[in-house]
Protein backbone atom coordinates (compact mmCIF):
# COMPACT_ATOMS: atom_id res chain seq x y z
CA UNK A 1 -1.68 -6.36 -26.03
CA UNK A 2 -4.92 -8.41 -25.55
CA UNK A 3 -8.44 -6.43 -24.55
CA UNK A 4 -11.15 -8.09 -22.86
CA UNK A 5 -14.62 -6.55 -23.18
CA UNK A 6 -16.69 -6.34 -20.33
CA UNK A 7 -14.46 -8.22 -17.90
CA UNK A 8 -14.84 -9.37 -14.18
CA UNK A 9 -12.17 -7.36 -11.99
CA UNK A 10 -13.22 -9.47 -8.71
CA UNK A 11 -10.08 -11.61 -8.87
CA UNK A 12 -8.32 -8.51 -9.60
CA UNK A 13 -8.93 -6.56 -6.32
CA UNK A 14 -8.06 -7.98 -2.72
CA UNK A 15 -11.59 -6.84 -1.35
CA UNK A 16 -12.98 -9.26 -3.95
CA UNK A 17 -15.53 -6.87 -4.78
CA UNK A 18 -17.34 -8.21 -7.92
CA UNK A 19 -17.18 -4.88 -10.31
CA UNK A 20 -16.55 -5.42 -13.99
CA UNK A 21 -14.34 -3.02 -16.41
CA UNK A 22 -15.66 -1.74 -20.02
CA UNK A 23 -12.03 -3.08 -21.00
CA UNK A 24 -9.63 -4.81 -19.48
CA UNK A 25 -5.66 -5.74 -20.76
CA UNK A 26 -2.48 -6.54 -19.32
CA UNK A 27 1.23 -5.05 -19.57
CA UNK A 28 3.78 -7.46 -20.16
CA UNK A 29 6.54 -6.01 -21.75
CA UNK A 30 7.51 -2.66 -23.81
CA UNK A 31 5.30 -3.72 -27.10
CA UNK A 32 2.89 -4.21 -24.80
CA UNK A 33 3.13 -0.63 -23.47
CA UNK A 34 3.41 0.91 -27.01
CA UNK A 35 0.20 -0.63 -28.30
CA UNK A 36 -1.53 1.15 -24.54
CA UNK A 37 0.04 4.42 -25.49
CA UNK A 38 -1.70 4.22 -29.01
CA UNK A 39 -5.06 2.86 -27.69
CA UNK A 40 -5.15 5.78 -25.18
CA UNK A 41 -4.52 8.16 -28.36
CA UNK A 42 -7.59 6.17 -30.27
CA UNK A 43 -10.30 5.96 -27.36
CA UNK A 44 -11.35 9.24 -25.17
CA UNK A 45 -12.07 6.87 -22.58
CA UNK A 46 -11.16 6.82 -18.79
CA UNK A 47 -7.88 5.03 -17.99
CA UNK A 48 -6.69 3.03 -14.58
CA UNK A 49 -3.05 1.18 -13.87
CA UNK A 50 -3.83 -1.80 -11.76
CA UNK A 51 -1.21 -3.38 -10.00
CA UNK A 52 -1.90 -6.22 -7.32
CA UNK A 53 -5.42 -4.72 -6.61
CA UNK A 54 -4.57 -4.88 -2.78
CA UNK A 55 -4.98 -0.79 -1.96
CA UNK A 56 -8.29 -0.19 -3.98
CA UNK A 57 -12.03 -0.18 -3.47
CA UNK A 58 -14.49 -0.25 -6.07
CA UNK A 59 -17.95 1.22 -5.49
CA UNK A 60 -18.73 0.72 -9.06
CA UNK A 61 -18.38 -0.69 -12.48
CA UNK A 62 -15.11 1.13 -14.52
CA UNK A 63 -16.77 2.52 -17.44
CA UNK A 64 -12.84 2.42 -19.24
CA UNK A 65 -10.31 0.35 -19.62
CA UNK A 66 -8.15 -0.86 -16.77
CA UNK A 67 -4.32 -1.82 -17.68
CA UNK A 68 -3.05 -4.47 -15.30
CA UNK A 69 0.64 -3.79 -15.21
CA UNK A 70 2.33 -7.84 -15.20
CA UNK A 71 6.48 -6.32 -15.82
CA UNK A 72 8.58 -8.75 -14.41
CA UNK A 73 12.70 -9.12 -13.67
CA UNK A 74 14.61 -7.96 -10.85
CA UNK A 75 18.36 -7.41 -10.45
CA UNK A 76 21.27 -6.24 -8.92
CA UNK A 77 21.85 -3.11 -10.53
CA UNK A 78 25.00 -1.28 -9.36
CA UNK A 79 27.15 -1.52 -5.99
CA UNK A 80 29.46 0.10 -4.21
CA UNK A 81 31.37 0.75 -0.86
CA UNK A 82 28.25 1.24 1.26
CA UNK A 83 25.58 -0.07 -0.70
CA UNK A 84 24.02 -2.51 -2.94
CA UNK A 85 21.40 -1.34 -5.61
CA UNK A 86 18.85 -3.46 -6.31
CA UNK A 87 16.40 -3.22 -9.09
CA UNK A 88 12.89 -4.59 -9.55
CA UNK A 89 10.09 -4.32 -12.51
CA UNK A 90 7.16 -2.62 -11.64
CA UNK A 91 4.62 -5.61 -12.05
CA UNK A 92 7.20 -7.65 -9.48
CA UNK A 93 4.86 -9.07 -6.43
CA UNK A 94 6.04 -7.07 -3.63
CA UNK A 95 6.51 -9.18 -1.36
CA UNK A 96 8.42 -11.74 -3.17
CA UNK A 97 10.55 -8.81 -3.83
CA UNK A 98 11.16 -8.36 -0.15
CA UNK A 99 12.17 -12.05 0.21
CA UNK A 100 14.29 -12.31 -3.09
CA UNK A 101 16.72 -9.43 -1.15
CA UNK A 102 16.79 -11.20 2.13
CA UNK A 103 17.66 -14.00 0.89
CA UNK A 104 20.22 -13.06 -0.98
CA UNK A 105 21.30 -11.53 2.31
CA UNK A 106 20.40 -7.74 1.73
CA UNK A 107 19.43 -6.06 4.39
CA UNK A 108 16.84 -2.70 4.37
CA UNK A 109 13.41 -4.14 3.30
CA UNK A 110 12.81 -7.05 5.84
CA UNK A 111 10.24 -4.47 8.17
CA UNK A 112 8.36 -4.61 4.75
CA UNK A 113 7.45 -8.40 4.25
CA UNK A 114 4.09 -9.12 3.53
CA UNK A 115 3.05 -6.23 2.63
CA UNK A 116 0.49 -6.84 -0.56
CA UNK A 117 0.87 -5.23 -3.97
CA UNK A 118 3.71 -4.89 -6.34
CA UNK A 119 6.67 -3.25 -6.91
CA UNK A 120 5.48 0.01 -8.68
CA UNK A 121 2.52 0.64 -6.82
CA UNK A 122 4.54 0.82 -3.79
CA UNK A 123 6.32 4.18 -4.62
CA UNK A 124 2.67 5.79 -5.03
CA UNK A 125 1.86 4.88 -1.60
CA UNK A 126 5.01 5.25 0.12
CA UNK A 127 4.23 1.98 1.91
CA UNK A 128 5.65 1.37 5.33
CA UNK A 129 5.06 -1.02 8.26
CA UNK A 130 6.98 -1.60 11.62
CA UNK A 131 9.11 1.44 11.81
CA UNK A 132 10.24 1.23 7.92
CA UNK A 133 9.36 3.44 5.22
CA UNK A 134 9.92 2.05 1.02
CA UNK A 135 11.68 5.93 1.17
CA UNK A 136 13.77 4.92 3.67
CA UNK A 137 15.85 2.93 0.67
CA UNK A 138 14.52 4.00 -2.08
CA UNK A 139 16.96 5.41 -4.72
CA UNK A 140 14.91 5.67 -8.27
CA UNK A 141 12.52 4.76 -10.37
CA UNK A 142 11.95 4.60 -14.04
CA UNK A 143 8.29 5.60 -15.45
CA UNK A 144 6.53 6.03 -18.76
CA UNK A 145 4.59 9.29 -19.20
CA UNK A 146 1.01 7.92 -20.93
CA UNK A 147 0.70 11.50 -22.21
CA UNK A 148 3.83 12.14 -23.93
CA UNK A 149 5.36 8.25 -24.46
CA UNK A 150 8.70 9.90 -22.51
CA UNK A 151 10.60 7.66 -20.22
CA UNK A 152 11.26 9.68 -17.13
CA UNK A 153 13.49 8.81 -14.15
CA UNK A 154 12.98 10.11 -10.78
CA UNK A 155 15.16 10.38 -7.84
CA UNK A 156 13.94 10.31 -4.02
CA UNK A 157 13.54 14.37 -3.94
CA UNK A 158 11.17 14.59 -7.09
CA UNK A 159 9.39 11.60 -5.55
CA UNK A 160 8.08 14.06 -2.85
CA UNK A 161 7.76 11.27 -0.46
CA UNK A 162 5.47 12.13 2.77
CA UNK A 163 3.45 9.46 5.01
CA UNK A 164 0.96 7.34 2.95
CA UNK A 165 1.60 9.96 -0.20
CA UNK A 166 4.31 11.02 -3.48
CA UNK A 167 4.50 13.29 -6.05
CA UNK A 168 2.98 9.96 -7.78
CA UNK A 169 -0.34 9.61 -5.70
CA UNK A 170 -0.90 13.56 -5.52
CA UNK A 171 -0.76 14.80 -9.52
CA UNK A 172 -0.02 12.21 -11.75
CA UNK A 173 -2.32 8.80 -10.71
CA UNK A 174 -2.98 6.92 -14.14
CA UNK A 175 -0.34 9.46 -16.38
CA UNK A 176 2.77 7.44 -15.15
CA UNK A 177 3.62 4.07 -15.08
CA UNK A 178 5.91 3.00 -13.19
CA UNK A 179 7.96 0.55 -14.79
CA UNK A 180 11.30 -0.21 -12.70
CA UNK A 181 12.34 0.65 -8.70
CA UNK A 182 15.72 0.64 -7.70
CA UNK A 183 16.25 0.73 -4.10
CA UNK A 184 19.76 1.34 -2.41
CA UNK A 185 20.39 -1.35 0.73
CA UNK A 186 22.96 -1.16 2.87
CA UNK A 187 25.85 -3.21 3.43
CA UNK A 188 26.35 -2.10 6.79
CA UNK A 189 22.39 -3.06 8.19
CA UNK A 190 21.16 -0.91 10.91
CA UNK A 191 17.84 -3.14 12.56
CA UNK A 192 14.71 -1.28 13.15
CA UNK A 193 12.94 -3.44 15.65
CA UNK A 194 12.38 -1.64 18.59
CA UNK A 195 8.69 -1.58 17.49
CA UNK A 196 5.61 -2.97 19.44
CA UNK A 197 5.49 -7.27 19.00
CA UNK A 198 8.72 -7.33 16.81
CA UNK A 199 11.04 -6.67 20.01
CA UNK A 200 8.89 -9.65 21.73
CA UNK A 201 8.92 -11.98 18.66
CA UNK A 202 12.89 -11.99 18.32
CA UNK A 203 13.45 -11.83 21.75
CA UNK A 204 16.45 -14.44 22.10
CA UNK A 205 17.48 -14.57 18.74
CA UNK A 206 20.26 -12.80 16.73
CA UNK A 207 18.66 -10.34 14.44
CA UNK A 208 18.94 -10.42 10.95
CA UNK A 209 17.15 -9.38 7.68
CA UNK A 210 15.42 -13.31 7.49
CA UNK A 211 14.58 -13.31 11.10
CA UNK A 212 13.15 -9.96 11.20
CA UNK A 213 11.46 -10.67 7.92
CA UNK A 214 9.89 -14.29 9.30
CA UNK A 215 9.42 -12.25 12.89
CA UNK A 216 6.85 -9.48 10.23
CA UNK A 217 5.07 -12.15 8.62
CA UNK A 218 4.63 -14.08 11.77
CA UNK A 219 3.58 -10.82 12.76
CA UNK A 220 1.68 -9.95 10.30
CA UNK A 221 -0.64 -13.05 9.84
CA UNK A 222 -1.72 -13.10 13.21
CA UNK A 223 -3.21 -9.69 13.59
CA UNK A 224 -4.15 -9.20 9.85
CA UNK A 225 -6.92 -11.18 7.76
CA UNK A 226 -5.30 -12.82 4.33
CA UNK A 227 -7.19 -11.57 1.58
CA UNK A 228 -6.92 -15.32 0.11
CA UNK A 229 -9.76 -16.39 3.11
CA UNK A 230 -11.86 -12.97 3.28
CA UNK A 231 -11.95 -9.82 1.02
CA UNK A 232 -9.72 -6.90 2.72
CA UNK A 233 -7.32 -4.35 1.72
CA UNK A 234 -5.25 -4.34 4.70
CA UNK A 235 -5.14 -1.05 7.27
CA UNK A 236 -8.00 0.88 5.47
CA UNK A 237 -7.28 4.14 7.33
CA UNK A 238 -4.14 6.46 7.87
CA UNK A 239 -2.74 6.73 10.93
CA UNK A 240 -3.58 10.68 11.99
CA UNK A 241 -1.15 13.24 12.86
CA UNK A 242 -2.11 15.81 15.39
CA UNK A 243 -0.28 19.10 16.32
CA UNK A 244 0.73 18.73 19.63
CA UNK A 245 -2.12 20.87 21.50
CA UNK A 246 -4.79 18.60 19.87
CA UNK A 247 -2.45 15.51 21.35
CA UNK A 248 -2.60 16.89 24.75
CA UNK A 249 -6.45 17.73 24.80
CA UNK A 250 -7.15 14.49 24.10
CA UNK A 251 -4.79 12.44 26.26
CA UNK A 252 -6.78 14.71 29.26
CA UNK A 253 -9.31 12.53 28.79
CA UNK A 254 -7.91 9.31 26.94
CA UNK A 255 -4.87 9.20 29.23
CA UNK A 256 -4.01 5.34 26.89
CA UNK A 257 -4.38 7.26 23.65
CA UNK A 258 -0.90 5.99 21.80
CA UNK A 259 0.96 8.28 20.58
CA UNK A 260 4.13 8.51 18.65
CA UNK A 261 6.36 11.85 18.09
CA UNK A 262 6.83 12.53 14.56
CA UNK A 263 10.57 14.69 13.11
CA UNK A 264 8.51 18.05 12.55
CA UNK A 265 7.12 17.85 16.14
CA UNK A 266 3.48 16.66 15.62
CA UNK A 267 2.07 13.62 17.30
CA UNK A 268 1.26 10.49 15.46
CA UNK A 269 -1.52 8.40 17.05
CA UNK A 270 -3.45 4.89 16.23
CA UNK A 271 -6.64 5.10 14.09
CA UNK A 272 -6.93 1.65 14.90
CA UNK A 273 -7.12 2.63 18.81
CA UNK A 274 -9.57 5.51 18.02
CA UNK A 275 -11.71 3.12 16.06
CA UNK A 276 -12.06 0.65 18.72
CA UNK A 277 -12.80 2.85 21.10
CA UNK A 278 -15.73 3.96 18.95
CA UNK A 279 -16.82 0.26 19.23
CA UNK A 280 -16.42 -0.73 15.32
CA UNK A 281 -14.19 -3.63 15.50
CA UNK A 282 -15.71 -7.05 14.67
CA UNK A 283 -18.67 -4.76 13.18
CA UNK A 284 -20.82 -6.58 10.66
CA UNK A 285 -23.97 -5.23 8.54
CA UNK A 286 -24.52 -7.96 5.82
CA UNK A 287 -21.42 -9.27 3.89
CA UNK A 288 -19.57 -5.82 5.10
CA UNK A 289 -17.68 -5.04 8.18
CA UNK A 290 -14.67 -4.92 10.08
CA UNK A 291 -12.24 -7.06 11.13
CA UNK A 292 -12.27 -9.29 14.54
CA UNK A 293 -8.82 -9.13 14.51
CA UNK A 294 -7.77 -5.70 13.29
CA UNK A 295 -10.28 -2.22 13.96
CA UNK A 296 -8.59 -0.89 11.26
CA UNK A 297 -9.59 -3.74 8.71
CA UNK A 298 -12.49 -3.45 6.70
CA UNK A 299 -13.81 -6.64 5.49
CA UNK A 300 -16.04 -8.57 2.81
CA UNK A 301 -17.49 -11.17 4.43
CA UNK A 302 -18.23 -12.80 0.70
CA UNK A 303 -21.09 -10.75 -1.48
CA UNK A 304 -20.71 -6.63 -0.10
CA UNK A 305 -20.31 -4.35 -2.93
CA UNK A 306 -17.77 -1.76 -2.78
CA UNK A 307 -20.77 0.90 -2.28
CA UNK A 308 -21.53 -0.96 1.38
CA UNK A 309 -17.67 -1.29 1.99
CA UNK A 310 -17.53 2.75 1.68
CA UNK A 311 -20.81 3.26 3.72
CA UNK A 312 -18.90 1.33 6.71
CA UNK A 313 -16.07 3.44 6.25
CA UNK A 314 -17.95 6.82 6.28
CA UNK A 315 -20.06 5.67 9.24
CA UNK A 316 -16.46 4.95 11.22
CA UNK A 317 -15.09 8.18 9.91
CA UNK A 318 -18.06 10.44 11.13
CA UNK A 319 -18.59 8.22 14.55
CA UNK A 320 -14.38 8.61 15.09
CA UNK A 321 -14.96 12.78 14.55
CA UNK A 322 -17.88 12.75 16.74
CA UNK A 323 -16.32 11.34 19.54
CA UNK A 324 -12.54 12.84 18.96
CA UNK A 325 -12.46 15.59 16.64
CA UNK A 326 -10.28 14.04 14.34
CA UNK A 327 -11.13 13.37 10.61
CA UNK A 328 -9.72 9.82 9.32
CA UNK A 329 -8.50 9.79 6.04
CA UNK A 330 -9.11 6.39 3.86
CA UNK A 331 -5.78 4.48 2.89
CA UNK A 332 -6.71 2.77 -0.29
CA UNK A 333 -7.89 4.77 -3.32
CA UNK A 334 -11.45 4.75 -3.80
CA UNK A 335 -13.03 4.50 -7.36
CA UNK A 336 -16.06 5.56 -8.54
């Protein structure tokens, strides 16, 4: 395990924030994990596990060790009469893994195409898009406890998945290194295409894992800025989930406010709609701003600092709360 000192993180976070880490290393195999465990014992310093860098914002330099998870590999773990079980290592690119399942004829993950990040980071956030969440097809994962070196296995129940949340996000950040994730994909597909935009793109086409994945990719590319072109972390705020009474009160003066009933009876509304109504879409101050394509996406036009981007986020939170009485919650992890 090689360790760099005073290393730049600019190319390792999709916001392109020019932060630095006191120490930086990469985890490629079991030996690197063992070396990492030994390093942690010998150094009393903060510690951060990094996947694709697509779901975090560095406000400051990192005064500790950043360990980038680069574990690779994917395969068919097992199958039964109804499902195929596919596994991928924690460092695999999420979108490439999804496309691999699609190209091999497996359905289930196609709606999650083009979401940035790694396979190991996906369960932490319980990523989701276009009517599908990771939890819908999750089977199990393996992780190494970085405090005890114990290898652990988590099933669906123990992951405690919720909307953009999990046991790992709430309780064990940087304490568990997710080494592999296994998904149970149905042999008889149940397409999720009754979602705004998806129906229109697929009109006249036979729904297949490939056609749905292609449609999702086209939709995301049309709506969301490419991090390779302009720094961003995708959707920056969670969609608020409201009590029915709160929803009905808002509907009186805001008849166009979108909403989707949840299994528990509450109503999920659109953070992008709320932000747009407050006039933030396309906002820019210096190099920090809000995308002209999508009000939910904060962008770095070049040299914005993490502090400047977070200030825009805080201003949006204050404005939306003042106008609608709803407190938005950031979706990415804010470091520092």
